[in-house]
Amino acid sequence: MLDVLKKIDLKSTGLFAAGVLFGTAGVKILASKDAKKVYTNATAAVLRAKDCVMKTATNIQANAEDIYAEAQQINEEREAKDAEISDEEEVVEE
């Protein structure tokens, strides 16, 4: 019987017992009312940050669409001007 007890590694057994104790205490701490308040506040902060990011993204998208529309208008005006100059050159050559 004593031979069996000599073969048990007390360090490993102690670490296992400490892990079980820590795990049990950890579950109780994570499920406590205070922890739930922390989770709720953290989730609320994340949602506020998401709203802020979405507003910023919407503004950036609107600005990009405005820039794109203005760039298209500039190119159309430039093409019309180039076509007008091209027509005048043809008239002069004839």
N, C-alpha and C. Protein backbone atom coordinates (compact mmCIF):
# COMPACT_ATOMS: atom_id res chain seq x y z
N MET A 1 0.82 -1.18 0.00
CA MET A 1 0.00 0.00 0.00
C MET A 1 0.87 1.26 0.00
N LEU A 2 1.95 1.26 0.76
CA LEU A 2 2.82 2.41 0.81
C LEU A 2 3.55 2.62 -0.51
N ASP A 3 3.76 1.55 -1.25
CA ASP A 3 4.40 1.69 -2.55
C ASP A 3 3.52 2.51 -3.51
N VAL A 4 2.23 2.33 -3.43
CA VAL A 4 1.31 3.09 -4.28
C VAL A 4 1.36 4.56 -3.93
N LEU A 5 1.38 4.89 -2.66
CA LEU A 5 1.45 6.28 -2.22
C LEU A 5 2.76 6.94 -2.62
N LYS A 6 3.84 6.17 -2.67
CA LYS A 6 5.14 6.71 -3.06
C LYS A 6 5.16 7.06 -4.55
N LYS A 7 4.36 6.36 -5.35
CA LYS A 7 4.34 6.59 -6.79
C LYS A 7 3.50 7.81 -7.18
N ILE A 8 2.66 8.32 -6.29
CA ILE A 8 1.83 9.49 -6.59
C ILE A 8 2.71 10.74 -6.57
N ASP A 9 2.64 11.48 -7.64
CA ASP A 9 3.42 12.72 -7.75
C ASP A 9 2.61 13.84 -7.08
N LEU A 10 3.08 14.29 -5.94
CA LEU A 10 2.34 15.30 -5.17
C LEU A 10 2.28 16.64 -5.90
N LYS A 11 3.29 16.97 -6.64
CA LYS A 11 3.31 18.24 -7.37
C LYS A 11 2.20 18.26 -8.41
N SER A 12 2.09 17.21 -9.21
CA SER A 12 1.06 17.13 -10.23
C SER A 12 -0.33 17.09 -9.62
N THR A 13 -0.47 16.34 -8.56
CA THR A 13 -1.76 16.25 -7.87
C THR A 13 -2.16 17.60 -7.30
N GLY A 14 -1.21 18.29 -6.71
CA GLY A 14 -1.48 19.63 -6.16
C GLY A 14 -1.87 20.62 -7.24
N LEU A 15 -1.16 20.56 -8.38
CA LEU A 15 -1.49 21.44 -9.49
C LEU A 15 -2.89 21.15 -10.03
N PHE A 16 -3.24 19.87 -10.11
CA PHE A 16 -4.57 19.50 -10.57
C PHE A 16 -5.64 20.03 -9.62
N ALA A 17 -5.43 19.83 -8.33
CA ALA A 17 -6.40 20.30 -7.33
C ALA A 17 -6.53 21.83 -7.37
N ALA A 18 -5.42 22.51 -7.51
CA ALA A 18 -5.45 23.97 -7.61
C ALA A 18 -6.20 24.42 -8.85
N GLY A 19 -6.01 23.72 -9.96
CA GLY A 19 -6.72 24.04 -11.20
C GLY A 19 -8.22 23.86 -11.06
N VAL A 20 -8.62 22.77 -10.42
CA VAL A 20 -10.05 22.53 -10.20
C VAL A 20 -10.62 23.63 -9.31
N LEU A 21 -9.92 23.97 -8.23
CA LEU A 21 -10.37 25.02 -7.32
C LEU A 21 -10.46 26.36 -8.04
N PHE A 22 -9.44 26.69 -8.79
CA PHE A 22 -9.42 27.96 -9.53
C PHE A 22 -10.53 27.99 -10.57
N GLY A 23 -10.75 26.88 -11.25
CA GLY A 23 -11.81 26.81 -12.25
C GLY A 23 -13.18 26.99 -11.64
N THR A 24 -13.41 26.36 -10.53
CA THR A 24 -14.69 26.48 -9.85
C THR A 24 -14.91 27.92 -9.37
N ALA A 25 -13.89 28.49 -8.77
CA ALA A 25 -13.99 29.88 -8.31
C ALA A 25 -14.16 30.82 -9.50
N GLY A 26 -13.46 30.54 -10.58
CA GLY A 26 -13.54 31.37 -11.78
C GLY A 26 -14.94 31.38 -12.36
N VAL A 27 -15.58 30.22 -12.40
CA VAL A 27 -16.95 30.14 -12.93
C VAL A 27 -17.89 30.95 -12.06
N LYS A 28 -17.74 30.86 -10.75
CA LYS A 28 -18.59 31.62 -9.84
C LYS A 28 -18.36 33.12 -10.01
N ILE A 29 -17.11 33.52 -10.18
CA ILE A 29 -16.79 34.94 -10.37
C ILE A 29 -17.37 35.44 -11.69
N LEU A 30 -17.21 34.66 -12.75
CA LEU A 30 -17.70 35.07 -14.06
C LEU A 30 -19.22 35.15 -14.10
N ALA A 31 -19.91 34.39 -13.27
CA ALA A 31 -21.37 34.38 -13.26
C ALA A 31 -21.95 35.34 -12.22
N SER A 32 -21.13 36.09 -11.53
CA SER A 32 -21.62 36.98 -10.48
C SER A 32 -22.32 38.20 -11.07
N LYS A 33 -23.11 38.88 -10.23
CA LYS A 33 -23.83 40.07 -10.67
C LYS A 33 -22.87 41.18 -11.09
N ASP A 34 -21.78 41.33 -10.35
CA ASP A 34 -20.80 42.37 -10.68
C ASP A 34 -20.17 42.12 -12.05
N ALA A 35 -19.86 40.86 -12.31
CA ALA A 35 -19.26 40.52 -13.60
C ALA A 35 -20.26 40.79 -14.72
N LYS A 36 -21.53 40.47 -14.49
CA LYS A 36 -22.55 40.73 -15.51
C LYS A 36 -22.69 42.23 -15.78
N LYS A 37 -22.54 43.05 -14.74
CA LYS A 37 -22.58 44.51 -14.94
C LYS A 37 -21.41 44.95 -15.82
N VAL A 38 -20.25 44.38 -15.56
CA VAL A 38 -19.07 44.71 -16.37
C VAL A 38 -19.30 44.30 -17.82
N TYR A 39 -19.83 43.09 -18.04
CA TYR A 39 -20.11 42.64 -19.40
C TYR A 39 -21.11 43.55 -20.09
N THR A 40 -22.15 43.95 -19.35
CA THR A 40 -23.17 44.82 -19.92
C THR A 40 -22.59 46.17 -20.30
N ASN A 41 -21.80 46.75 -19.42
CA ASN A 41 -21.19 48.06 -19.71
C ASN A 41 -20.21 47.96 -20.87
N ALA A 42 -19.46 46.89 -20.92
CA ALA A 42 -18.52 46.71 -22.03
C ALA A 42 -19.26 46.55 -23.35
N THR A 43 -20.36 45.80 -23.34
CA THR A 43 -21.15 45.62 -24.56
C THR A 43 -21.76 46.94 -24.99
N ALA A 44 -22.25 47.73 -24.04
CA ALA A 44 -22.82 49.04 -24.36
C ALA A 44 -21.76 49.95 -24.98
N ALA A 45 -20.55 49.91 -24.46
CA ALA A 45 -19.46 50.72 -25.01
C ALA A 45 -19.13 50.29 -26.44
N VAL A 46 -19.14 49.00 -26.68
CA VAL A 46 -18.87 48.49 -28.03
C VAL A 46 -19.96 48.94 -28.99
N LEU A 47 -21.20 48.90 -28.55
CA LEU A 47 -22.31 49.34 -29.41
C LEU A 47 -22.21 50.84 -29.72
N ARG A 48 -21.82 51.64 -28.71
CA ARG A 48 -21.64 53.08 -28.96
C ARG A 48 -20.51 53.30 -29.96
N ALA A 49 -19.43 52.57 -29.80
CA ALA A 49 -18.30 52.69 -30.74
C ALA A 49 -18.73 52.29 -32.14
N LYS A 50 -19.53 51.24 -32.24
CA LYS A 50 -20.02 50.78 -33.55
C LYS A 50 -20.84 51.88 -34.21
N ASP A 51 -21.73 52.52 -33.44
CA ASP A 51 -22.54 53.60 -34.00
C ASP A 51 -21.67 54.74 -34.50
N CYS A 52 -20.65 55.09 -33.74
CA CYS A 52 -19.74 56.16 -34.14
C CYS A 52 -19.00 55.80 -35.42
N VAL A 53 -18.52 54.58 -35.50
CA VAL A 53 -17.81 54.13 -36.69
C VAL A 53 -18.74 54.11 -37.91
N MET A 54 -19.97 53.68 -37.71
CA MET A 54 -20.92 53.63 -38.83
C MET A 54 -21.26 55.03 -39.32
N LYS A 55 -21.40 56.00 -38.41
CA LYS A 55 -21.66 57.38 -38.82
C LYS A 55 -20.48 57.92 -39.63
N THR A 56 -19.29 57.66 -39.15
CA THR A 56 -18.09 58.12 -39.86
C THR A 56 -17.99 57.48 -41.23
N ALA A 57 -18.26 56.18 -41.30
CA ALA A 57 -18.21 55.48 -42.59
C ALA A 57 -19.25 56.03 -43.55
N THR A 58 -20.44 56.35 -43.05
CA THR A 58 -21.49 56.91 -43.89
C THR A 58 -21.06 58.27 -44.43
N ASN A 59 -20.46 59.10 -43.58
CA ASN A 59 -19.98 60.42 -44.03
C ASN A 59 -18.89 60.28 -45.07
N ILE A 60 -17.98 59.36 -44.85
CA ILE A 60 -16.89 59.15 -45.82
C ILE A 60 -17.46 58.68 -47.15
N GLN A 61 -18.43 57.77 -47.11
CA GLN A 61 -19.04 57.26 -48.34
C GLN A 61 -19.76 58.38 -49.08
N ALA A 62 -20.49 59.23 -48.36
CA ALA A 62 -21.18 60.35 -49.00
C ALA A 62 -20.18 61.30 -49.64
N ASN A 63 -19.10 61.60 -48.95
CA ASN A 63 -18.07 62.48 -49.52
C ASN A 63 -17.43 61.85 -50.75
N ALA A 64 -17.18 60.56 -50.70
CA ALA A 64 -16.58 59.87 -51.85
C ALA A 64 -17.53 59.91 -53.05
N GLU A 65 -18.83 59.74 -52.81
CA GLU A 65 -19.79 59.80 -53.90
C GLU A 65 -19.83 61.19 -54.51
N ASP A 66 -19.77 62.24 -53.66
CA ASP A 66 -19.75 63.61 -54.16
C ASP A 66 -18.51 63.87 -55.01
N ILE A 67 -17.37 63.41 -54.53
CA ILE A 67 -16.12 63.60 -55.27
C ILE A 67 -16.19 62.89 -56.61
N TYR A 68 -16.73 61.67 -56.61
CA TYR A 68 -16.84 60.90 -57.85
C TYR A 68 -17.76 61.61 -58.84
N ALA A 69 -18.89 62.12 -58.36
CA ALA A 69 -19.83 62.82 -59.24
C ALA A 69 -19.19 64.08 -59.82
N GLU A 70 -18.46 64.83 -59.00
CA GLU A 70 -17.80 66.04 -59.48
C GLU A 70 -16.71 65.69 -60.49
N ALA A 71 -15.99 64.62 -60.25
CA ALA A 71 -14.94 64.20 -61.18
C ALA A 71 -15.55 63.81 -62.52
N GLN A 72 -16.68 63.11 -62.50
CA GLN A 72 -17.34 62.76 -63.76
C GLN A 72 -17.79 64.01 -64.50
N GLN A 73 -18.32 64.98 -63.77
CA GLN A 73 -18.76 66.22 -64.39
C GLN A 73 -17.58 66.96 -65.03
N ILE A 74 -16.46 67.02 -64.33
CA ILE A 74 -15.27 67.67 -64.87
C ILE A 74 -14.83 66.98 -66.15
N ASN A 75 -14.82 65.64 -66.16
CA ASN A 75 -14.41 64.91 -67.36
C ASN A 75 -15.39 65.14 -68.51
N GLU A 76 -16.68 65.19 -68.23
CA GLU A 76 -17.66 65.45 -69.29
C GLU A 76 -17.47 66.84 -69.88
N GLU A 77 -17.24 67.84 -69.02
CA GLU A 77 -17.01 69.20 -69.51
C GLU A 77 -15.72 69.26 -70.34
N ARG A 78 -14.72 68.52 -69.90
CA ARG A 78 -13.44 68.51 -70.63
C ARG A 78 -13.60 67.84 -71.99
N GLU A 79 -14.36 66.74 -72.04
CA GLU A 79 -14.60 66.07 -73.31
C GLU A 79 -15.39 66.96 -74.26
N ALA A 80 -16.37 67.68 -73.73
CA ALA A 80 -17.15 68.60 -74.56
C ALA A 80 -16.26 69.72 -75.11
N LYS A 81 -15.38 70.23 -74.28
CA LYS A 81 -14.46 71.29 -74.72
C LYS A 81 -13.50 70.75 -75.78
N ASP A 82 -12.97 69.54 -75.56
CA ASP A 82 -12.07 68.94 -76.54
C ASP A 82 -12.79 68.69 -77.87
N ALA A 83 -14.04 68.26 -77.80
CA ALA A 83 -14.81 68.03 -79.02
C ALA A 83 -15.05 69.34 -79.75
N GLU A 84 -15.29 70.41 -79.01
CA GLU A 84 -15.51 71.72 -79.61
C GLU A 84 -14.25 72.22 -80.30
N ILE A 85 -13.12 72.04 -79.65
CA ILE A 85 -11.83 72.45 -80.24
C ILE A 85 -11.55 71.62 -81.49
N SER A 86 -11.86 70.32 -81.43
CA SER A 86 -11.64 69.43 -82.55
C SER A 86 -12.50 69.85 -83.74
N ASP A 87 -13.74 70.25 -83.50
CA ASP A 87 -14.64 70.70 -84.55
C ASP A 87 -14.11 71.99 -85.19
N GLU A 88 -13.59 72.92 -84.39
CA GLU A 88 -13.06 74.18 -84.90
C GLU A 88 -11.82 73.92 -85.76
N GLU A 89 -10.99 72.94 -85.38
CA GLU A 89 -9.80 72.63 -86.16
C GLU A 89 -10.19 72.05 -87.51
N GLU A 90 -11.23 71.24 -87.57
CA GLU A 90 -11.68 70.67 -88.84
C GLU A 90 -12.20 71.76 -89.77
N VAL A 91 -12.90 72.74 -89.20
CA VAL A 91 -13.43 73.83 -90.02
C VAL A 91 -12.29 74.66 -90.58
N VAL A 92 -11.26 74.93 -89.81
CA VAL A 92 -10.12 75.72 -90.24
C VAL A 92 -9.36 74.99 -91.33
N GLU A 93 -9.21 73.69 -91.27
CA GLU A 93 -8.45 72.92 -92.23
C GLU A 93 -9.14 72.88 -93.59
N GLU A 94 -10.43 72.94 -93.60
CA GLU A 94 -11.16 72.84 -94.88
C GLU A 94 -11.06 74.12 -95.57
